[in-house]
Amino acid sequence: MKNQYCKVGTTTPLTNEENMISLLERRYNSFIEMAAQIGNSNTKLAEFLQVKATKTRKTLEKLV
């Protein structure tokens, strides 16, 4: 019987900086859009998404 290795929780590092920047830009836009959509119905979740967007923007600014 062969050994099987679980890949759940594994991460692939982003070695290409251009890919990392585009990924962070997509995540930032996604967080902002979700926060705007959820805004009135669930304020705690909207605040959480705004904080995530802020952290993502700061990381993005460091790279650019």
Protein backbone atom coordinates (compact mmCIF):
# COMPACT_ATOMS: atom_id res chain seq x y z
CA MET A 1 0.00 0.00 0.00
CA LYS A 2 1.33 3.44 -0.98
CA ASN A 3 1.71 6.29 1.46
CA GLN A 4 -0.77 9.09 0.91
CA TYR A 5 -0.06 12.65 1.86
CA CYS A 6 -2.78 15.13 2.66
CA LYS A 7 -2.50 18.49 0.91
CA VAL A 8 -5.13 20.24 3.01
CA GLY A 9 -3.74 23.44 4.46
CA THR A 10 -0.65 23.51 2.30
CA THR A 11 0.30 26.79 0.67
CA THR A 12 2.13 27.64 -2.48
CA PRO A 13 4.47 30.61 -2.09
CA LEU A 14 4.19 33.37 -4.64
CA THR A 15 7.66 33.80 -6.05
CA ASN A 16 6.70 36.19 -8.82
CA GLU A 17 6.09 39.68 -7.42
CA GLU A 18 3.79 40.62 -10.32
CA ASN A 19 1.48 37.70 -9.48
CA MET A 20 1.48 38.71 -5.83
CA ILE A 21 0.52 42.30 -6.66
CA SER A 22 -2.33 41.28 -8.94
CA LEU A 23 -3.59 38.77 -6.35
CA LEU A 24 -3.55 41.40 -3.61
CA GLU A 25 -5.36 43.87 -5.87
CA ARG A 26 -8.10 41.30 -6.58
CA ARG A 27 -8.43 40.47 -2.87
CA TYR A 28 -8.60 44.16 -1.94
CA ASN A 29 -11.35 44.81 -4.49
CA SER A 30 -13.19 41.69 -3.37
CA PHE A 31 -13.13 42.73 0.29
CA ILE A 32 -14.37 46.23 -0.57
CA GLU A 33 -17.21 44.88 -2.74
CA MET A 34 -18.31 42.33 -0.13
CA ALA A 35 -18.27 44.98 2.62
CA ALA A 36 -20.42 47.29 0.49
CA GLN A 37 -22.92 44.51 -0.30
CA ILE A 38 -23.21 43.32 3.30
CA GLY A 39 -23.03 46.82 4.83
CA ASN A 40 -26.57 47.27 6.16
CA SER A 41 -27.46 43.68 6.97
CA ASN A 42 -24.41 42.65 9.02
CA THR A 43 -22.31 45.55 10.27
CA LYS A 44 -19.81 43.41 12.20
CA LEU A 45 -18.97 41.40 9.10
CA ALA A 46 -18.75 44.57 7.01
CA GLU A 47 -16.32 46.07 9.55
CA PHE A 48 -14.24 42.90 9.48
CA LEU A 49 -14.05 42.99 5.68
CA GLN A 50 -13.07 46.67 5.76
CA VAL A 51 -10.24 45.89 8.19
CA LYS A 52 -9.06 43.06 5.92
CA ALA A 53 -9.17 45.44 2.95
CA THR A 54 -7.13 48.02 4.86
CA LYS A 55 -4.49 45.46 5.80
CA THR A 56 -4.35 44.20 2.23
CA ARG A 57 -3.98 47.76 0.91
CA LYS A 58 -1.09 48.44 3.32
CA THR A 59 0.66 45.27 2.19
CA LEU A 60 0.08 46.25 -1.43
CA GLU A 61 1.50 49.75 -0.85
CA LYS A 62 4.69 48.22 0.60
CA LEU A 63 5.19 46.19 -2.58
CA VAL A 64 4.53 49.03 -5.01
